[in-house]
Amino acid sequence: MVKISYTRNLTAVFHGTFGAQVFASPTDRTNYGRSVLAKDPNNNGSLGIAISEAVEVAATSGGVKNTAWAPC
């Protein structure tokens, strides 16, 4: 979820109620997210960054679903 949205609404809380983990993007959990944060640690994120991170996770998951990565 885009960081600015993550901090401004209760969507992450709602998803957490049902057991999902939601991470503010950019995150340190992906190579792309780490590269964005290295350039600007206070980056509020964008839809493009969130999608890039989701694609990276999907491409490197080996086809395994991981509930720790539930893109919003």
PDB file of N, CA and C in Angstrom:
ATOM      1  N   MET A   1       0.853  -1.165   0.000  1.00  0.00           N
ATOM      2  CA  MET A   1       0.000   0.000   0.000  1.00  0.00           C
ATOM      3  C   MET A   1       0.896   1.224   0.000  1.00  0.00           C
ATOM      4  N   VAL A   2       0.541   2.230  -0.795  1.00  0.00           N
ATOM      5  CA  VAL A   2       1.307   3.468  -0.859  1.00  0.00           C
ATOM      6  C   VAL A   2       1.379   4.075   0.543  1.00  0.00           C
ATOM      7  N   LYS A   3       2.594   4.452   0.949  1.00  0.00           N
ATOM      8  CA  LYS A   3       2.827   4.899   2.325  1.00  0.00           C
ATOM      9  C   LYS A   3       1.896   6.039   2.741  1.00  0.00           C
ATOM     10  N   ILE A   4       1.691   7.000   1.873  1.00  0.00           N
ATOM     11  CA  ILE A   4       0.856   8.143   2.238  1.00  0.00           C
ATOM     12  C   ILE A   4      -0.579   7.681   2.537  1.00  0.00           C
ATOM     13  N   SER A   5      -1.073   6.702   1.799  1.00  0.00           N
ATOM     14  CA  SER A   5      -2.403   6.149   2.063  1.00  0.00           C
ATOM     15  C   SER A   5      -2.403   5.311   3.335  1.00  0.00           C
ATOM     16  N   TYR A   6      -1.326   4.574   3.521  1.00  0.00           N
ATOM     17  CA  TYR A   6      -1.192   3.712   4.700  1.00  0.00           C
ATOM     18  C   TYR A   6      -1.304   4.521   5.992  1.00  0.00           C
ATOM     19  N   THR A   7      -0.710   5.715   5.984  1.00  0.00           N
ATOM     20  CA  THR A   7      -0.703   6.523   7.198  1.00  0.00           C
ATOM     21  C   THR A   7      -1.962   7.359   7.372  1.00  0.00           C
ATOM     22  N   ARG A   8      -2.782   7.469   6.334  1.00  0.00           N
ATOM     23  CA  ARG A   8      -3.950   8.357   6.400  1.00  0.00           C
ATOM     24  C   ARG A   8      -5.293   7.652   6.536  1.00  0.00           C
ATOM     25  N   ASN A   9      -5.338   6.357   6.406  1.00  0.00           N
ATOM     26  CA  ASN A   9      -6.642   5.704   6.539  1.00  0.00           C
ATOM     27  C   ASN A   9      -6.518   4.384   7.291  1.00  0.00           C
ATOM     28  N   LEU A  10      -7.618   3.746   7.494  1.00  0.00           N
ATOM     29  CA  LEU A  10      -7.664   2.537   8.314  1.00  0.00           C
ATOM     30  C   LEU A  10      -7.689   1.243   7.506  1.00  0.00           C
ATOM     31  N   THR A  11      -7.372   1.323   6.221  1.00  0.00           N
ATOM     32  CA  THR A  11      -7.411   0.129   5.379  1.00  0.00           C
ATOM     33  C   THR A  11      -6.499  -0.958   5.928  1.00  0.00           C
ATOM     34  N   ALA A  12      -5.277  -0.596   6.333  1.00  0.00           N
ATOM     35  CA  ALA A  12      -4.346  -1.594   6.857  1.00  0.00           C
ATOM     36  C   ALA A  12      -4.901  -2.242   8.120  1.00  0.00           C
ATOM     37  N   VAL A  13      -5.548  -1.463   8.961  1.00  0.00           N
ATOM     38  CA  VAL A  13      -6.161  -2.002  10.179  1.00  0.00           C
ATOM     39  C   VAL A  13      -7.271  -2.984   9.806  1.00  0.00           C
ATOM     40  N   PHE A  14      -8.087  -2.602   8.831  1.00  0.00           N
ATOM     41  CA  PHE A  14      -9.170  -3.474   8.366  1.00  0.00           C
ATOM     42  C   PHE A  14      -8.616  -4.795   7.849  1.00  0.00           C
ATOM     43  N   HIS A  15      -7.587  -4.753   7.019  1.00  0.00           N
ATOM     44  CA  HIS A  15      -6.988  -5.982   6.492  1.00  0.00           C
ATOM     45  C   HIS A  15      -6.385  -6.806   7.628  1.00  0.00           C
ATOM     46  N   GLY A  16      -5.756  -6.136   8.589  1.00  0.00           N
ATOM     47  CA  GLY A  16      -5.163  -6.827   9.721  1.00  0.00           C
ATOM     48  C   GLY A  16      -6.180  -7.567  10.561  1.00  0.00           C
ATOM     49  N   THR A  17      -7.400  -7.046  10.589  1.00  0.00           N
ATOM     50  CA  THR A  17      -8.484  -7.709  11.318  1.00  0.00           C
ATOM     51  C   THR A  17      -8.718  -9.118  10.783  1.00  0.00           C
ATOM     52  N   PHE A  18      -8.463  -9.301   9.492  1.00  0.00           N
ATOM     53  CA  PHE A  18      -8.686 -10.596   8.853  1.00  0.00           C
ATOM     54  C   PHE A  18      -7.387 -11.376   8.653  1.00  0.00           C
ATOM     55  N   GLY A  19      -6.321 -10.954   9.342  1.00  0.00           N
ATOM     56  CA  GLY A  19      -5.082 -11.711   9.330  1.00  0.00           C
ATOM     57  C   GLY A  19      -4.076 -11.308   8.267  1.00  0.00           C
ATOM     58  N   ALA A  20      -4.381 -10.322   7.441  1.00  0.00           N
ATOM     59  CA  ALA A  20      -3.444  -9.905   6.403  1.00  0.00           C
ATOM     60  C   ALA A  20      -2.396  -8.968   6.995  1.00  0.00           C
ATOM     61  N   GLN A  21      -1.217  -9.009   6.405  1.00  0.00           N
ATOM     62  CA  GLN A  21      -0.178  -8.050   6.756  1.00  0.00           C
ATOM     63  C   GLN A  21      -0.090  -7.055   5.608  1.00  0.00           C
ATOM     64  N   VAL A  22      -0.116  -5.778   5.924  1.00  0.00           N
ATOM     65  CA  VAL A  22      -0.026  -4.730   4.915  1.00  0.00           C
ATOM     66  C   VAL A  22       1.202  -3.898   5.237  1.00  0.00           C
ATOM     67  N   PHE A  23       2.003  -3.632   4.211  1.00  0.00           N
ATOM     68  CA  PHE A  23       3.231  -2.880   4.396  1.00  0.00           C
ATOM     69  C   PHE A  23       3.148  -1.577   3.626  1.00  0.00           C
ATOM     70  N   ALA A  24       3.667  -0.525   4.237  1.00  0.00           N
ATOM     71  CA  ALA A  24       3.718   0.768   3.571  1.00  0.00           C
ATOM     72  C   ALA A  24       4.826   0.735   2.519  1.00  0.00           C
ATOM     73  N   SER A  25       4.500   1.130   1.297  1.00  0.00           N
ATOM     74  CA  SER A  25       5.468   1.149   0.203  1.00  0.00           C
ATOM     75  C   SER A  25       5.931   2.575  -0.034  1.00  0.00           C
ATOM     76  N   PRO A  26       7.221   2.807  -0.153  1.00  0.00           N
ATOM     77  CA  PRO A  26       8.286   1.821  -0.313  1.00  0.00           C
ATOM     78  C   PRO A  26       8.657   1.148   1.014  1.00  0.00           C
ATOM     79  N   THR A  27       9.061  -0.105   0.888  1.00  0.00           N
ATOM     80  CA  THR A  27       9.405  -0.908   2.045  1.00  0.00           C
ATOM     81  C   THR A  27      10.827  -1.435   1.918  1.00  0.00           C
ATOM     82  N   ASP A  28      11.403  -1.816   3.020  1.00  0.00           N
ATOM     83  CA  ASP A  28      12.747  -2.407   2.975  1.00  0.00           C
ATOM     84  C   ASP A  28      12.682  -3.911   2.698  1.00  0.00           C
ATOM     85  N   ARG A  29      11.528  -4.408   2.315  1.00  0.00           N
ATOM     86  CA  ARG A  29      11.350  -5.845   2.065  1.00  0.00           C
ATOM     87  C   ARG A  29      11.620  -6.243   0.618  1.00  0.00           C
ATOM     88  N   THR A  30      11.845  -5.253  -0.264  1.00  0.00           N
ATOM     89  CA  THR A  30      12.158  -5.557  -1.663  1.00  0.00           C
ATOM     90  C   THR A  30      13.409  -4.794  -2.075  1.00  0.00           C
ATOM     91  N   ASN A  31      14.078  -5.297  -3.116  1.00  0.00           N
ATOM     92  CA  ASN A  31      15.259  -4.602  -3.634  1.00  0.00           C
ATOM     93  C   ASN A  31      14.882  -3.214  -4.141  1.00  0.00           C
ATOM     94  N   TYR A  32      13.773  -3.135  -4.876  1.00  0.00           N
ATOM     95  CA  TYR A  32      13.368  -1.846  -5.421  1.00  0.00           C
ATOM     96  C   TYR A  32      13.004  -0.865  -4.301  1.00  0.00           C
ATOM     97  N   GLY A  33      12.276  -1.319  -3.322  1.00  0.00           N
ATOM     98  CA  GLY A  33      11.914  -0.470  -2.195  1.00  0.00           C
ATOM     99  C   GLY A  33      13.142   0.044  -1.460  1.00  0.00           C
ATOM    100  N   ARG A  34      14.121  -0.846  -1.255  1.00  0.00           N
ATOM    101  CA  ARG A  34      15.359  -0.429  -0.591  1.00  0.00           C
ATOM    102  C   ARG A  34      16.093   0.620  -1.419  1.00  0.00           C
ATOM    103  N   SER A  35      16.081   0.476  -2.753  1.00  0.00           N
ATOM    104  CA  SER A  35      16.772   1.459  -3.597  1.00  0.00           C
ATOM    105  C   SER A  35      16.079   2.818  -3.537  1.00  0.00           C
ATOM    106  N   VAL A  36      14.750   2.819  -3.479  1.00  0.00           N
ATOM    107  CA  VAL A  36      14.005   4.079  -3.359  1.00  0.00           C
ATOM    108  C   VAL A  36      14.302   4.734  -2.015  1.00  0.00           C
ATOM    109  N   LEU A  37      14.286   3.951  -0.962  1.00  0.00           N
ATOM    110  CA  LEU A  37      14.541   4.489   0.381  1.00  0.00           C
ATOM    111  C   LEU A  37      15.986   4.959   0.541  1.00  0.00           C
ATOM    112  N   ALA A  38      16.917   4.336  -0.178  1.00  0.00           N
ATOM    113  CA  ALA A  38      18.312   4.769  -0.104  1.00  0.00           C
ATOM    114  C   ALA A  38      18.463   6.174  -0.680  1.00  0.00           C
ATOM    115  N   LYS A  39      17.689   6.472  -1.737  1.00  0.00           N
ATOM    116  CA  LYS A  39      17.738   7.799  -2.360  1.00  0.00           C
ATOM    117  C   LYS A  39      16.989   8.837  -1.533  1.00  0.00           C
ATOM    118  N   ASP A  40      15.884   8.420  -0.920  1.00  0.00           N
ATOM    119  CA  ASP A  40      15.057   9.348  -0.146  1.00  0.00           C
ATOM    120  C   ASP A  40      14.359   8.585   0.979  1.00  0.00           C
ATOM    121  N   PRO A  41      14.955   8.570   2.168  1.00  0.00           N
ATOM    122  CA  PRO A  41      14.377   7.816   3.288  1.00  0.00           C
ATOM    123  C   PRO A  41      12.979   8.280   3.702  1.00  0.00           C
ATOM    124  N   ASN A  42      12.592   9.489   3.341  1.00  0.00           N
ATOM    125  CA  ASN A  42      11.275  10.021   3.702  1.00  0.00           C
ATOM    126  C   ASN A  42      10.274   9.942   2.557  1.00  0.00           C
ATOM    127  N   ASN A  43      10.564   9.139   1.559  1.00  0.00           N
ATOM    128  CA  ASN A  43       9.692   9.016   0.392  1.00  0.00           C
ATOM    129  C   ASN A  43       8.298   8.555   0.822  1.00  0.00           C
ATOM    130  N   ASN A  44       7.264   9.273   0.374  1.00  0.00           N
ATOM    131  CA  ASN A  44       5.877   8.926   0.719  1.00  0.00           C
ATOM    132  C   ASN A  44       5.286   7.862  -0.187  1.00  0.00           C
ATOM    133  N   GLY A  45       6.033   7.434  -1.176  1.00  0.00           N
ATOM    134  CA  GLY A  45       5.571   6.385  -2.062  1.00  0.00           C
ATOM    135  C   GLY A  45       4.697   6.901  -3.179  1.00  0.00           C
ATOM    136  N   SER A  46       4.401   5.996  -4.102  1.00  0.00           N
ATOM    137  CA  SER A  46       3.518   6.291  -5.225  1.00  0.00           C
ATOM    138  C   SER A  46       2.923   4.971  -5.688  1.00  0.00           C
ATOM    139  N   LEU A  47       1.902   5.066  -6.498  1.00  0.00           N
ATOM    140  CA  LEU A  47       1.290   3.845  -7.024  1.00  0.00           C
ATOM    141  C   LEU A  47       2.303   3.070  -7.857  1.00  0.00           C
ATOM    142  N   GLY A  48       3.136   3.778  -8.604  1.00  0.00           N
ATOM    143  CA  GLY A  48       4.157   3.125  -9.427  1.00  0.00           C
ATOM    144  C   GLY A  48       5.154   2.343  -8.594  1.00  0.00           C
ATOM    145  N   ILE A  49       5.583   2.908  -7.476  1.00  0.00           N
ATOM    146  CA  ILE A  49       6.527   2.213  -6.590  1.00  0.00           C
ATOM    147  C   ILE A  49       5.855   0.975  -5.998  1.00  0.00           C
ATOM    148  N   ALA A  50       4.620   1.126  -5.532  1.00  0.00           N
ATOM    149  CA  ALA A  50       3.899  -0.010  -4.943  1.00  0.00           C
ATOM    150  C   ALA A  50       3.710  -1.135  -5.955  1.00  0.00           C
ATOM    151  N   ILE A  51       3.369  -0.779  -7.188  1.00  0.00           N
ATOM    152  CA  ILE A  51       3.201  -1.796  -8.234  1.00  0.00           C
ATOM    153  C   ILE A  51       4.543  -2.457  -8.539  1.00  0.00           C
ATOM    154  N   SER A  52       5.605  -1.662  -8.626  1.00  0.00           N
ATOM    155  CA  SER A  52       6.935  -2.228  -8.891  1.00  0.00           C
ATOM    156  C   SER A  52       7.337  -3.218  -7.809  1.00  0.00           C
ATOM    157  N   GLU A  53       7.040  -2.894  -6.563  1.00  0.00           N
ATOM    158  CA  GLU A  53       7.354  -3.820  -5.481  1.00  0.00           C
ATOM    159  C   GLU A  53       6.498  -5.087  -5.573  1.00  0.00           C
ATOM    160  N   ALA A  54       5.234  -4.929  -5.896  1.00  0.00           N
ATOM    161  CA  ALA A  54       4.351  -6.097  -6.016  1.00  0.00           C
ATOM    162  C   ALA A  54       4.811  -7.007  -7.154  1.00  0.00           C
ATOM    163  N   VAL A  55       5.224  -6.412  -8.268  1.00  0.00           N
ATOM    164  CA  VAL A  55       5.711  -7.210  -9.404  1.00  0.00           C
ATOM    165  C   VAL A  55       7.003  -7.933  -9.016  1.00  0.00           C
ATOM    166  N   GLU A  56       7.897  -7.246  -8.298  1.00  0.00           N
ATOM    167  CA  GLU A  56       9.139  -7.893  -7.851  1.00  0.00           C
ATOM    168  C   GLU A  56       8.836  -9.098  -6.971  1.00  0.00           C
ATOM    169  N   VAL A  57       7.921  -8.931  -6.039  1.00  0.00           N
ATOM    170  CA  VAL A  57       7.572 -10.036  -5.142  1.00  0.00           C
ATOM    171  C   VAL A  57       6.977 -11.197  -5.941  1.00  0.00           C
ATOM    172  N   ALA A  58       6.082 -10.892  -6.868  1.00  0.00           N
ATOM    173  CA  ALA A  58       5.460 -11.941  -7.684  1.00  0.00           C
ATOM    174  C   ALA A  58       6.498 -12.653  -8.550  1.00  0.00           C
ATOM    175  N   ALA A  59       7.424 -11.885  -9.120  1.00  0.00           N
ATOM    176  CA  ALA A  59       8.423 -12.465 -10.020  1.00  0.00           C
ATOM    177  C   ALA A  59       9.453 -13.314  -9.280  1.00  0.00           C
ATOM    178  N   THR A  60       9.676 -13.032  -8.021  1.00  0.00           N
ATOM    179  CA  THR A  60      10.707 -13.762  -7.271  1.00  0.00           C
ATOM    180  C   THR A  60      10.135 -14.790  -6.299  1.00  0.00           C
ATOM    181  N   SER A  61       8.821 -14.953  -6.310  1.00  0.00           N
ATOM    182  CA  SER A  61       8.204 -15.865  -5.335  1.00  0.00           C
ATOM    183  C   SER A  61       8.275 -17.326  -5.753  1.00  0.00           C
ATOM    184  N   GLY A  62       8.639 -17.592  -7.002  1.00  0.00           N
ATOM    185  CA  GLY A  62       8.681 -18.978  -7.470  1.00  0.00           C
ATOM    186  C   GLY A  62       7.304 -19.601  -7.561  1.00  0.00           C
ATOM    187  N   GLY A  63       6.283 -18.760  -7.698  1.00  0.00           N
ATOM    188  CA  GLY A  63       4.924 -19.252  -7.822  1.00  0.00           C
ATOM    189  C   GLY A  63       4.271 -19.591  -6.506  1.00  0.00           C
ATOM    190  N   VAL A  64       4.967 -19.317  -5.400  1.00  0.00           N
ATOM    191  CA  VAL A  64       4.443 -19.610  -4.078  1.00  0.00           C
ATOM    192  C   VAL A  64       3.671 -18.407  -3.561  1.00  0.00           C
ATOM    193  N   LYS A  65       2.453 -18.641  -3.133  1.00  0.00           N
ATOM    194  CA  LYS A  65       1.687 -17.559  -2.517  1.00  0.00           C
ATOM    195  C   LYS A  65       2.217 -17.325  -1.133  1.00  0.00           C
ATOM    196  N   ASN A  66       2.409 -16.073  -0.796  1.00  0.00           N
ATOM    197  CA  ASN A  66       2.904 -15.708   0.509  1.00  0.00           C
ATOM    198  C   ASN A  66       1.938 -14.698   1.103  1.00  0.00           C
ATOM    199  N   THR A  67       1.230 -15.078   2.122  1.00  0.00           N
ATOM    200  CA  THR A  67       0.224 -14.184   2.693  1.00  0.00           C
ATOM    201  C   THR A  67       0.851 -12.967   3.352  1.00  0.00           C
ATOM    202  N   ALA A  68       2.173 -12.986   3.551  1.00  0.00           N
ATOM    203  CA  ALA A  68       2.822 -11.803   4.113  1.00  0.00           C
ATOM    204  C   ALA A  68       2.909 -10.683   3.082  1.00  0.00           C
ATOM    205  N   TRP A  69       2.629 -10.971   1.828  1.00  0.00           N
ATOM    206  CA  TRP A  69       2.652  -9.964   0.765  1.00  0.00           C
ATOM    207  C   TRP A  69       1.264  -9.876   0.155  1.00  0.00           C
ATOM    208  N   ALA A  70       0.418  -9.091   0.763  1.00  0.00           N
ATOM    209  CA  ALA A  70      -0.939  -8.896   0.258  1.00  0.00           C
ATOM    210  C   ALA A  70      -1.063  -7.467  -0.266  1.00  0.00           C
ATOM    211  N   PRO A  71      -0.712  -7.248  -1.559  1.00  0.00           N
ATOM    212  CA  PRO A  71      -0.763  -5.874  -2.067  1.00  0.00           C
ATOM    213  C   PRO A  71      -2.164  -5.312  -2.059  1.00  0.00           C
ATOM    214  N   CYS A  72      -2.277  -4.074  -1.710  1.00  0.00           N
ATOM    215  CA  CYS A  72      -3.574  -3.379  -1.711  1.00  0.00           C
ATOM    216  C   CYS A  72      -3.664  -2.477  -2.897  1.00  0.00           C
TER     217      CYS A  72
END
